[in-house]
Amino acid sequence: RLEKEKCEKHAHKPDQQKNLGTVGAVALDSKGNVAYATSTG
């Protein structure tokens, strides 16, 4: 992916659509507390 991106960057402006990857979670527990976590490269 990095090689491809470097080639495409030389050719034209990269598309921000490609760069959207993250992982995350939200939760509600039995006591009524909520939380979130998010992580990415």
PDB file of all heavy atoms in Angstrom:
ATOM      1  N   ARG A   1       0.835  -1.210   0.000  1.00  0.00           N
ATOM      2  CA  ARG A   1       0.000   0.000   0.000  1.00  0.00           C
ATOM      3  C   ARG A   1       0.868   1.258   0.000  1.00  0.00           C
ATOM      4  O   ARG A   1       0.543   2.241  -0.651  1.00  0.00           O
ATOM      5  CB  ARG A   1      -0.902   0.013   1.249  1.00  0.00           C
ATOM      6  CG  ARG A   1      -2.160  -0.793   1.096  1.00  0.00           C
ATOM      7  CD  ARG A   1      -3.007  -0.735   2.345  1.00  0.00           C
ATOM      8  NE  ARG A   1      -3.777   0.504   2.445  1.00  0.00           N
ATOM      9  CZ  ARG A   1      -4.546   0.804   3.486  1.00  0.00           C
ATOM     10  NH1 ARG A   1      -4.641  -0.027   4.491  1.00  0.00           N
ATOM     11  NH2 ARG A   1      -5.218   1.928   3.500  1.00  0.00           N
ATOM     12  N   LEU A   2       1.954   1.217   0.767  1.00  0.00           N
ATOM     13  CA  LEU A   2       2.837   2.386   0.828  1.00  0.00           C
ATOM     14  C   LEU A   2       3.492   2.627  -0.538  1.00  0.00           C
ATOM     15  O   LEU A   2       3.533   3.769  -1.016  1.00  0.00           O
ATOM     16  CB  LEU A   2       3.911   2.187   1.905  1.00  0.00           C
ATOM     17  CG  LEU A   2       4.922   3.339   2.043  1.00  0.00           C
ATOM     18  CD1 LEU A   2       4.217   4.630   2.466  1.00  0.00           C
ATOM     19  CD2 LEU A   2       6.017   2.983   3.035  1.00  0.00           C
ATOM     20  N   GLU A   3       3.964   1.553  -1.156  1.00  0.00           N
ATOM     21  CA  GLU A   3       4.575   1.684  -2.496  1.00  0.00           C
ATOM     22  C   GLU A   3       3.578   2.271  -3.490  1.00  0.00           C
ATOM     23  O   GLU A   3       3.901   3.183  -4.257  1.00  0.00           O
ATOM     24  CB  GLU A   3       5.041   0.304  -3.006  1.00  0.00           C
ATOM     25  CG  GLU A   3       6.323  -0.195  -2.360  1.00  0.00           C
ATOM     26  CD  GLU A   3       6.585  -1.669  -2.684  1.00  0.00           C
ATOM     27  OE1 GLU A   3       6.119  -2.137  -3.751  1.00  0.00           O
ATOM     28  OE2 GLU A   3       7.236  -2.335  -1.868  1.00  0.00           O
ATOM     29  N   LYS A   4       2.351   1.739  -3.458  1.00  0.00           N
ATOM     30  CA  LYS A   4       1.305   2.201  -4.374  1.00  0.00           C
ATOM     31  C   LYS A   4       0.990   3.676  -4.137  1.00  0.00           C
ATOM     32  O   LYS A   4       0.862   4.471  -5.066  1.00  0.00           O
ATOM     33  CB  LYS A   4       0.052   1.335  -4.165  1.00  0.00           C
ATOM     34  CG  LYS A   4      -1.082   1.596  -5.133  1.00  0.00           C
ATOM     35  CD  LYS A   4      -2.121   0.463  -5.049  1.00  0.00           C
ATOM     36  CE  LYS A   4      -3.270   0.700  -5.998  1.00  0.00           C
ATOM     37  NZ  LYS A   4      -4.423   1.352  -5.402  1.00  0.00           N
ATOM     38  N   GLU A   5       0.897   4.048  -2.870  1.00  0.00           N
ATOM     39  CA  GLU A   5       0.565   5.441  -2.513  1.00  0.00           C
ATOM     40  C   GLU A   5       1.662   6.405  -2.975  1.00  0.00           C
ATOM     41  O   GLU A   5       1.380   7.490  -3.474  1.00  0.00           O
ATOM     42  CB  GLU A   5       0.382   5.535  -0.993  1.00  0.00           C
ATOM     43  CG  GLU A   5      -0.102   6.873  -0.502  1.00  0.00           C
ATOM     44  CD  GLU A   5      -1.527   7.217  -0.909  1.00  0.00           C
ATOM     45  OE1 GLU A   5      -2.293   6.307  -1.268  1.00  0.00           O
ATOM     46  OE2 GLU A   5      -1.860   8.411  -0.873  1.00  0.00           O
ATOM     47  N   LYS A   6       2.912   5.982  -2.819  1.00  0.00           N
ATOM     48  CA  LYS A   6       4.034   6.847  -3.242  1.00  0.00           C
ATOM     49  C   LYS A   6       4.003   7.047  -4.750  1.00  0.00           C
ATOM     50  O   LYS A   6       4.230   8.147  -5.244  1.00  0.00           O
ATOM     51  CB  LYS A   6       5.373   6.236  -2.799  1.00  0.00           C
ATOM     52  CG  LYS A   6       5.601   6.403  -1.304  1.00  0.00           C
ATOM     53  CD  LYS A   6       7.004   5.956  -0.896  1.00  0.00           C
ATOM     54  CE  LYS A   6       7.177   6.042   0.597  1.00  0.00           C
ATOM     55  NZ  LYS A   6       8.267   6.823   1.084  1.00  0.00           N
ATOM     56  N   CYS A   7       3.689   5.977  -5.487  1.00  0.00           N
ATOM     57  CA  CYS A   7       3.586   6.077  -6.954  1.00  0.00           C
ATOM     58  C   CYS A   7       2.442   7.008  -7.348  1.00  0.00           C
ATOM     59  O   CYS A   7       2.597   7.866  -8.211  1.00  0.00           O
ATOM     60  CB  CYS A   7       3.343   4.701  -7.580  1.00  0.00           C
ATOM     61  SG  CYS A   7       4.750   3.602  -7.423  1.00  0.00           S
ATOM     62  N   GLU A   8       1.296   6.834  -6.691  1.00  0.00           N
ATOM     63  CA  GLU A   8       0.118   7.643  -7.036  1.00  0.00           C
ATOM     64  C   GLU A   8       0.302   9.100  -6.641  1.00  0.00           C
ATOM     65  O   GLU A   8      -0.191  10.001  -7.299  1.00  0.00           O
ATOM     66  CB  GLU A   8      -1.128   7.067  -6.348  1.00  0.00           C
ATOM     67  CG  GLU A   8      -1.599   5.778  -7.004  1.00  0.00           C
ATOM     68  CD  GLU A   8      -2.823   5.190  -6.335  1.00  0.00           C
ATOM     69  OE1 GLU A   8      -3.398   5.847  -5.452  1.00  0.00           O
ATOM     70  OE2 GLU A   8      -3.189   4.055  -6.706  1.00  0.00           O
ATOM     71  N   LYS A   9       1.042   9.319  -5.569  1.00  0.00           N
ATOM     72  CA  LYS A   9       1.261  10.692  -5.106  1.00  0.00           C
ATOM     73  C   LYS A   9       2.055  11.466  -6.149  1.00  0.00           C
ATOM     74  O   LYS A   9       1.846  12.660  -6.366  1.00  0.00           O
ATOM     75  CB  LYS A   9       1.999  10.687  -3.768  1.00  0.00           C
ATOM     76  CG  LYS A   9       1.915  12.026  -3.068  1.00  0.00           C
ATOM     77  CD  LYS A   9       2.490  11.971  -1.675  1.00  0.00           C
ATOM     78  CE  LYS A   9       2.405  13.355  -1.038  1.00  0.00           C
ATOM     79  NZ  LYS A   9       3.043  13.429   0.255  1.00  0.00           N
ATOM     80  N   HIS A  10       2.979  10.778  -6.796  1.00  0.00           N
ATOM     81  CA  HIS A  10       3.759  11.432  -7.849  1.00  0.00           C
ATOM     82  C   HIS A  10       2.877  11.740  -9.061  1.00  0.00           C
ATOM     83  O   HIS A  10       3.095  12.696  -9.784  1.00  0.00           O
ATOM     84  CB  HIS A  10       4.944  10.556  -8.268  1.00  0.00           C
ATOM     85  CG  HIS A  10       6.006  10.475  -7.210  1.00  0.00           C
ATOM     86  ND1 HIS A  10       6.598  11.605  -6.658  1.00  0.00           N
ATOM     87  CD2 HIS A  10       6.576   9.424  -6.585  1.00  0.00           C
ATOM     88  CE1 HIS A  10       7.487  11.230  -5.745  1.00  0.00           C
ATOM     89  NE2 HIS A  10       7.486   9.913  -5.675  1.00  0.00           N
ATOM     90  N   ALA A  11       1.862  10.895  -9.253  1.00  0.00           N
ATOM     91  CA  ALA A  11       1.001  11.042 -10.432  1.00  0.00           C
ATOM     92  C   ALA A  11      -0.074  12.113 -10.234  1.00  0.00           C
ATOM     93  O   ALA A  11      -0.334  12.907 -11.110  1.00  0.00           O
ATOM     94  CB  ALA A  11       0.351   9.703 -10.766  1.00  0.00           C
ATOM     95  N   HIS A  12      -0.713  12.110  -9.066  1.00  0.00           N
ATOM     96  CA  HIS A  12      -1.775  13.107  -8.811  1.00  0.00           C
ATOM     97  C   HIS A  12      -2.025  13.211  -7.314  1.00  0.00           C
ATOM     98  O   HIS A  12      -1.470  12.466  -6.519  1.00  0.00           O
ATOM     99  CB  HIS A  12      -3.071  12.705  -9.524  1.00  0.00           C
ATOM    100  CG  HIS A  12      -3.615  11.377  -9.085  1.00  0.00           C
ATOM    101  ND1 HIS A  12      -4.394  11.235  -7.970  1.00  0.00           N
ATOM    102  CD2 HIS A  12      -3.446  10.129  -9.589  1.00  0.00           C
ATOM    103  CE1 HIS A  12      -4.709   9.961  -7.807  1.00  0.00           C
ATOM    104  NE2 HIS A  12      -4.144   9.269  -8.758  1.00  0.00           N
ATOM    105  N   LYS A  13      -2.893  14.136  -6.947  1.00  0.00           N
ATOM    106  CA  LYS A  13      -3.197  14.346  -5.520  1.00  0.00           C
ATOM    107  C   LYS A  13      -3.871  13.108  -4.943  1.00  0.00           C
ATOM    108  O   LYS A  13      -4.827  12.601  -5.502  1.00  0.00           O
ATOM    109  CB  LYS A  13      -4.142  15.548  -5.392  1.00  0.00           C
ATOM    110  CG  LYS A  13      -4.263  16.035  -3.966  1.00  0.00           C
ATOM    111  CD  LYS A  13      -5.121  17.282  -3.906  1.00  0.00           C
ATOM    112  CE  LYS A  13      -5.300  17.680  -2.446  1.00  0.00           C
ATOM    113  NZ  LYS A  13      -6.542  18.319  -2.191  1.00  0.00           N
ATOM    114  N   PRO A  14      -3.378  12.604  -3.810  1.00  0.00           N
ATOM    115  CA  PRO A  14      -3.993  11.408  -3.238  1.00  0.00           C
ATOM    116  C   PRO A  14      -5.437  11.678  -2.800  1.00  0.00           C
ATOM    117  O   PRO A  14      -5.791  12.791  -2.440  1.00  0.00           O
ATOM    118  CB  PRO A  14      -3.125  11.100  -2.015  1.00  0.00           C
ATOM    119  CG  PRO A  14      -2.059  12.116  -1.953  1.00  0.00           C
ATOM    120  CD  PRO A  14      -2.276  13.136  -3.022  1.00  0.00           C
ATOM    121  N   ASP A  15      -6.216  10.636  -2.849  1.00  0.00           N
ATOM    122  CA  ASP A  15      -7.638  10.715  -2.513  1.00  0.00           C
ATOM    123  C   ASP A  15      -7.817  10.467  -1.019  1.00  0.00           C
ATOM    124  O   ASP A  15      -7.445   9.412  -0.516  1.00  0.00           O
ATOM    125  CB  ASP A  15      -8.354   9.629  -3.338  1.00  0.00           C
ATOM    126  CG  ASP A  15      -9.820   9.518  -3.000  1.00  0.00           C
ATOM    127  OD1 ASP A  15     -10.329  10.399  -2.292  1.00  0.00           O
ATOM    128  OD2 ASP A  15     -10.445   8.543  -3.457  1.00  0.00           O
ATOM    129  N   GLN A  16      -8.396  11.429  -0.287  1.00  0.00           N
ATOM    130  CA  GLN A  16      -8.551  11.257   1.159  1.00  0.00           C
ATOM    131  C   GLN A  16      -9.492  10.100   1.491  1.00  0.00           C
ATOM    132  O   GLN A  16      -9.476   9.579   2.590  1.00  0.00           O
ATOM    133  CB  GLN A  16      -9.049  12.543   1.830  1.00  0.00           C
ATOM    134  CG  GLN A  16     -10.360  13.061   1.304  1.00  0.00           C
ATOM    135  CD  GLN A  16     -11.142  13.838   2.360  1.00  0.00           C
ATOM    136  OE1 GLN A  16     -11.909  13.277   3.108  1.00  0.00           O
ATOM    137  NE2 GLN A  16     -10.956  15.116   2.422  1.00  0.00           N
ATOM    138  N   GLN A  17     -10.296   9.670   0.519  1.00  0.00           N
ATOM    139  CA  GLN A  17     -11.199   8.528   0.745  1.00  0.00           C
ATOM    140  C   GLN A  17     -10.429   7.289   1.179  1.00  0.00           C
ATOM    141  O   GLN A  17     -10.957   6.444   1.878  1.00  0.00           O
ATOM    142  CB  GLN A  17     -11.932   8.198  -0.568  1.00  0.00           C
ATOM    143  CG  GLN A  17     -13.384   8.581  -0.596  1.00  0.00           C
ATOM    144  CD  GLN A  17     -14.278   7.509   0.016  1.00  0.00           C
ATOM    145  OE1 GLN A  17     -14.189   7.206   1.191  1.00  0.00           O
ATOM    146  NE2 GLN A  17     -15.168   6.956  -0.765  1.00  0.00           N
ATOM    147  N   LYS A  18      -9.175   7.159   0.733  1.00  0.00           N
ATOM    148  CA  LYS A  18      -8.425   5.947   1.047  1.00  0.00           C
ATOM    149  C   LYS A  18      -7.997   5.910   2.511  1.00  0.00           C
ATOM    150  O   LYS A  18      -7.712   4.874   3.043  1.00  0.00           O
ATOM    151  CB  LYS A  18      -7.133   5.923   0.226  1.00  0.00           C
ATOM    152  CG  LYS A  18      -7.328   5.599  -1.201  1.00  0.00           C
ATOM    153  CD  LYS A  18      -5.954   5.478  -1.800  1.00  0.00           C
ATOM    154  CE  LYS A  18      -6.009   5.947  -3.217  1.00  0.00           C
ATOM    155  NZ  LYS A  18      -4.764   6.478  -3.649  1.00  0.00           N
ATOM    156  N   ASN A  19      -7.874   7.081   3.104  1.00  0.00           N
ATOM    157  CA  ASN A  19      -7.229   7.162   4.409  1.00  0.00           C
ATOM    158  C   ASN A  19      -8.231   7.304   5.543  1.00  0.00           C
ATOM    159  O   ASN A  19      -8.300   8.323   6.197  1.00  0.00           O
ATOM    160  CB  ASN A  19      -6.256   8.345   4.409  1.00  0.00           C
ATOM    161  CG  ASN A  19      -5.090   8.090   3.469  1.00  0.00           C
ATOM    162  OD1 ASN A  19      -4.591   6.981   3.415  1.00  0.00           O
ATOM    163  ND2 ASN A  19      -4.671   9.096   2.740  1.00  0.00           N
ATOM    164  N   LEU A  20      -9.011   6.269   5.745  1.00  0.00           N
ATOM    165  CA  LEU A  20     -10.093   6.378   6.714  1.00  0.00           C
ATOM    166  C   LEU A  20     -10.036   5.312   7.805  1.00  0.00           C
ATOM    167  O   LEU A  20     -10.921   5.245   8.624  1.00  0.00           O
ATOM    168  CB  LEU A  20     -11.444   6.279   5.984  1.00  0.00           C
ATOM    169  CG  LEU A  20     -11.685   7.278   4.856  1.00  0.00           C
ATOM    170  CD1 LEU A  20     -13.012   6.982   4.173  1.00  0.00           C
ATOM    171  CD2 LEU A  20     -11.681   8.696   5.373  1.00  0.00           C
ATOM    172  N   GLY A  21      -9.024   4.496   7.824  1.00  0.00           N
ATOM    173  CA  GLY A  21      -9.022   3.328   8.706  1.00  0.00           C
ATOM    174  C   GLY A  21      -8.704   3.639  10.152  1.00  0.00           C
ATOM    175  O   GLY A  21      -7.719   4.278  10.470  1.00  0.00           O
ATOM    176  N   THR A  22      -9.550   3.178  11.021  1.00  0.00           N
ATOM    177  CA  THR A  22      -9.404   3.311  12.478  1.00  0.00           C
ATOM    178  C   THR A  22     -10.194   2.138  13.043  1.00  0.00           C
ATOM    179  O   THR A  22     -11.011   1.571  12.328  1.00  0.00           O
ATOM    180  CB  THR A  22     -10.096   4.619  12.980  1.00  0.00           C
ATOM    181  OG1 THR A  22      -9.780   5.681  12.112  1.00  0.00           O
ATOM    182  CG2 THR A  22      -9.687   4.981  14.377  1.00  0.00           C
ATOM    183  N   VAL A  23      -9.981   1.795  14.300  1.00  0.00           N
ATOM    184  CA  VAL A  23     -10.903   0.861  14.950  1.00  0.00           C
ATOM    185  C   VAL A  23     -11.411   1.518  16.221  1.00  0.00           C
ATOM    186  O   VAL A  23     -10.742   2.381  16.798  1.00  0.00           O
ATOM    187  CB  VAL A  23     -10.246  -0.504  15.278  1.00  0.00           C
ATOM    188  CG1 VAL A  23      -9.657  -1.129  14.022  1.00  0.00           C
ATOM    189  CG2 VAL A  23      -9.189  -0.384  16.377  1.00  0.00           C
ATOM    190  N   GLY A  24     -12.611   1.136  16.630  1.00  0.00           N
ATOM    191  CA  GLY A  24     -13.150   1.762  17.837  1.00  0.00           C
ATOM    192  C   GLY A  24     -14.275   0.956  18.443  1.00  0.00           C
ATOM    193  O   GLY A  24     -14.835   0.055  17.805  1.00  0.00           O
ATOM    194  N   ALA A  25     -14.611   1.307  19.683  1.00  0.00           N
ATOM    195  CA  ALA A  25     -15.706   0.642  20.384  1.00  0.00           C
ATOM    196  C   ALA A  25     -16.344   1.608  21.370  1.00  0.00           C
ATOM    197  O   ALA A  25     -15.672   2.497  21.911  1.00  0.00           O
ATOM    198  CB  ALA A  25     -15.194  -0.585  21.138  1.00  0.00           C
ATOM    199  N   VAL A  26     -17.654   1.433  21.578  1.00  0.00           N
ATOM    200  CA  VAL A  26     -18.363   2.121  22.659  1.00  0.00           C
ATOM    201  C   VAL A  26     -19.165   1.065  23.410  1.00  0.00           C
ATOM    202  O   VAL A  26     -19.535   0.037  22.838  1.00  0.00           O
ATOM    203  CB  VAL A  26     -19.305   3.241  22.139  1.00  0.00           C
ATOM    204  CG1 VAL A  26     -18.503   4.377  21.527  1.00  0.00           C
ATOM    205  CG2 VAL A  26     -20.328   2.702  21.136  1.00  0.00           C
ATOM    206  N   ALA A  27     -19.408   1.316  24.686  1.00  0.00           N
ATOM    207  CA  ALA A  27     -20.126   0.315  25.479  1.00  0.00           C
ATOM    208  C   ALA A  27     -20.922   0.961  26.602  1.00  0.00           C
ATOM    209  O   ALA A  27     -20.594   2.055  27.077  1.00  0.00           O
ATOM    210  CB  ALA A  27     -19.149  -0.708  26.054  1.00  0.00           C
ATOM    211  N   LEU A  28     -21.967   0.243  27.010  1.00  0.00           N
ATOM    212  CA  LEU A  28     -22.767   0.565  28.194  1.00  0.00           C
ATOM    213  C   LEU A  28     -22.721  -0.665  29.092  1.00  0.00           C
ATOM    214  O   LEU A  28     -23.010  -1.773  28.624  1.00  0.00           O
ATOM    215  CB  LEU A  28     -24.220   0.858  27.793  1.00  0.00           C
ATOM    216  CG  LEU A  28     -25.240   0.930  28.929  1.00  0.00           C
ATOM    217  CD1 LEU A  28     -25.088   2.213  29.728  1.00  0.00           C
ATOM    218  CD2 LEU A  28     -26.672   0.819  28.380  1.00  0.00           C
ATOM    219  N   ASP A  29     -22.343  -0.478  30.364  1.00  0.00           N
ATOM    220  CA  ASP A  29     -22.275  -1.642  31.253  1.00  0.00           C
ATOM    221  C   ASP A  29     -23.515  -1.722  32.153  1.00  0.00           C
ATOM    222  O   ASP A  29     -24.401  -0.863  32.097  1.00  0.00           O
ATOM    223  CB  ASP A  29     -20.972  -1.645  32.074  1.00  0.00           C
ATOM    224  CG  ASP A  29     -20.824  -0.463  33.028  1.00  0.00           C
ATOM    225  OD1 ASP A  29     -21.856   0.073  33.481  1.00  0.00           O
ATOM    226  OD2 ASP A  29     -19.669  -0.077  33.320  1.00  0.00           O
ATOM    227  N   SER A  30     -23.570  -2.780  32.956  1.00  0.00           N
ATOM    228  CA  SER A  30     -24.773  -3.050  33.751  1.00  0.00           C
ATOM    229  C   SER A  30     -25.007  -2.001  34.848  1.00  0.00           C
ATOM    230  O   SER A  30     -26.094  -1.892  35.383  1.00  0.00           O
ATOM    231  CB  SER A  30     -24.687  -4.445  34.379  1.00  0.00           C
ATOM    232  OG  SER A  30     -23.500  -4.541  35.148  1.00  0.00           O
ATOM    233  N   LYS A  31     -23.982  -1.214  35.151  1.00  0.00           N
ATOM    234  CA  LYS A  31     -24.136  -0.150  36.152  1.00  0.00           C
ATOM    235  C   LYS A  31     -24.549   1.175  35.522  1.00  0.00           C
ATOM    236  O   LYS A  31     -24.693   2.183  36.215  1.00  0.00           O
ATOM    237  CB  LYS A  31     -22.820   0.032  36.916  1.00  0.00           C
ATOM    238  CG  LYS A  31     -22.494  -1.147  37.801  1.00  0.00           C
ATOM    239  CD  LYS A  31     -21.224  -0.915  38.591  1.00  0.00           C
ATOM    240  CE  LYS A  31     -20.989  -2.096  39.536  1.00  0.00           C
ATOM    241  NZ  LYS A  31     -19.582  -2.195  39.912  1.00  0.00           N
ATOM    242  N   GLY A  32     -24.694   1.195  34.201  1.00  0.00           N
ATOM    243  CA  GLY A  32     -25.123   2.417  33.526  1.00  0.00           C
ATOM    244  C   GLY A  32     -23.989   3.343  33.116  1.00  0.00           C
ATOM    245  O   GLY A  32     -24.218   4.497  32.748  1.00  0.00           O
ATOM    246  N   ASN A  33     -22.750   2.827  33.167  1.00  0.00           N
ATOM    247  CA  ASN A  33     -21.600   3.635  32.721  1.00  0.00           C
ATOM    248  C   ASN A  33     -21.320   3.397  31.245  1.00  0.00           C
ATOM    249  O   ASN A  33     -21.477   2.274  30.750  1.00  0.00           O
ATOM    250  CB  ASN A  33     -20.352   3.278  33.531  1.00  0.00           C
ATOM    251  CG  ASN A  33     -20.514   3.600  34.997  1.00  0.00           C
ATOM    252  OD1 ASN A  33     -20.962   4.685  35.357  1.00  0.00           O
ATOM    253  ND2 ASN A  33     -20.175   2.646  35.860  1.00  0.00           N
ATOM    254  N   VAL A  34     -20.885   4.454  30.554  1.00  0.00           N
ATOM    255  CA  VAL A  34     -20.496   4.332  29.146  1.00  0.00           C
ATOM    256  C   VAL A  34     -19.009   4.633  29.000  1.00  0.00           C
ATOM    257  O   VAL A  34     -18.401   5.281  29.866  1.00  0.00           O
ATOM    258  CB  VAL A  34     -21.315   5.272  28.223  1.00  0.00           C
ATOM    259  CG1 VAL A  34     -22.789   4.908  28.246  1.00  0.00           C
ATOM    260  CG2 VAL A  34     -21.096   6.740  28.565  1.00  0.00           C
ATOM    261  N   ALA A  35     -18.431   4.156  27.904  1.00  0.00           N
ATOM    262  CA  ALA A  35     -17.013   4.397  27.621  1.00  0.00           C
ATOM    263  C   ALA A  35     -16.777   4.275  26.126  1.00  0.00           C
ATOM    264  O   ALA A  35     -17.588   3.690  25.404  1.00  0.00           O
ATOM    265  CB  ALA A  35     -16.132   3.376  28.362  1.00  0.00           C
ATOM    266  N   TYR A  36     -15.660   4.856  25.682  1.00  0.00           N
ATOM    267  CA  TYR A  36     -15.246   4.658  24.289  1.00  0.00           C
ATOM    268  C   TYR A  36     -13.764   4.324  24.255  1.00  0.00           C
ATOM    269  O   TYR A  36     -13.007   4.665  25.172  1.00  0.00           O
ATOM    270  CB  TYR A  36     -15.519   5.911  23.426  1.00  0.00           C
ATOM    271  CG  TYR A  36     -14.337   6.860  23.312  1.00  0.00           C
ATOM    272  CD1 TYR A  36     -13.308   6.648  22.376  1.00  0.00           C
ATOM    273  CD2 TYR A  36     -14.205   7.966  24.151  1.00  0.00           C
ATOM    274  CE1 TYR A  36     -12.217   7.496  22.295  1.00  0.00           C
ATOM    275  CE2 TYR A  36     -13.121   8.813  24.069  1.00  0.00           C
ATOM    276  CZ  TYR A  36     -12.118   8.576  23.146  1.00  0.00           C
ATOM    277  OH  TYR A  36     -11.030   9.413  23.069  1.00  0.00           O
ATOM    278  N   ALA A  37     -13.336   3.679  23.172  1.00  0.00           N
ATOM    279  CA  ALA A  37     -11.913   3.469  22.871  1.00  0.00           C
ATOM    280  C   ALA A  37     -11.746   3.547  21.366  1.00  0.00           C
ATOM    281  O   ALA A  37     -12.583   3.024  20.619  1.00  0.00           O
ATOM    282  CB  ALA A  37     -11.446   2.108  23.389  1.00  0.00           C
ATOM    283  N   THR A  38     -10.680   4.215  20.919  1.00  0.00           N
ATOM    284  CA  THR A  38     -10.377   4.326  19.489  1.00  0.00           C
ATOM    285  C   THR A  38      -8.877   4.134  19.300  1.00  0.00           C
ATOM    286  O   THR A  38      -8.084   4.597  20.127  1.00  0.00           O
ATOM    287  CB  THR A  38     -10.804   5.712  18.931  1.00  0.00           C
ATOM    288  OG1 THR A  38     -12.127   6.010  19.347  1.00  0.00           O
ATOM    289  CG2 THR A  38     -10.754   5.741  17.413  1.00  0.00           C
ATOM    290  N   SER A  39      -8.484   3.442  18.224  1.00  0.00           N
ATOM    291  CA  SER A  39      -7.063   3.159  17.980  1.00  0.00           C
ATOM    292  C   SER A  39      -6.790   3.140  16.476  1.00  0.00           C
ATOM    293  O   SER A  39      -7.653   2.727  15.697  1.00  0.00           O
ATOM    294  CB  SER A  39      -6.702   1.804  18.602  1.00  0.00           C
ATOM    295  OG  SER A  39      -5.335   1.492  18.432  1.00  0.00           O
ATOM    296  N   THR A  40      -5.597   3.582  16.078  1.00  0.00           N
ATOM    297  CA  THR A  40      -5.288   3.631  14.640  1.00  0.00           C
ATOM    298  C   THR A  40      -3.794   3.625  14.363  1.00  0.00           C
ATOM    299  O   THR A  40      -2.990   3.971  15.233  1.00  0.00           O
ATOM    300  CB  THR A  40      -5.901   4.898  13.998  1.00  0.00           C
ATOM    301  OG1 THR A  40      -5.794   4.808  12.574  1.00  0.00           O
ATOM    302  CG2 THR A  40      -5.188   6.162  14.457  1.00  0.00           C
ATOM    303  N   GLY A  41      -3.469   3.257  13.128  1.00  0.00           N
ATOM    304  CA  GLY A  41      -2.107   3.416  12.621  1.00  0.00           C
ATOM    305  C   GLY A  41      -1.981   4.694  11.803  1.00  0.00           C
ATOM    306  O   GLY A  41      -0.915   5.010  11.284  1.00  0.00           O
TER     307      GLY A  41
END
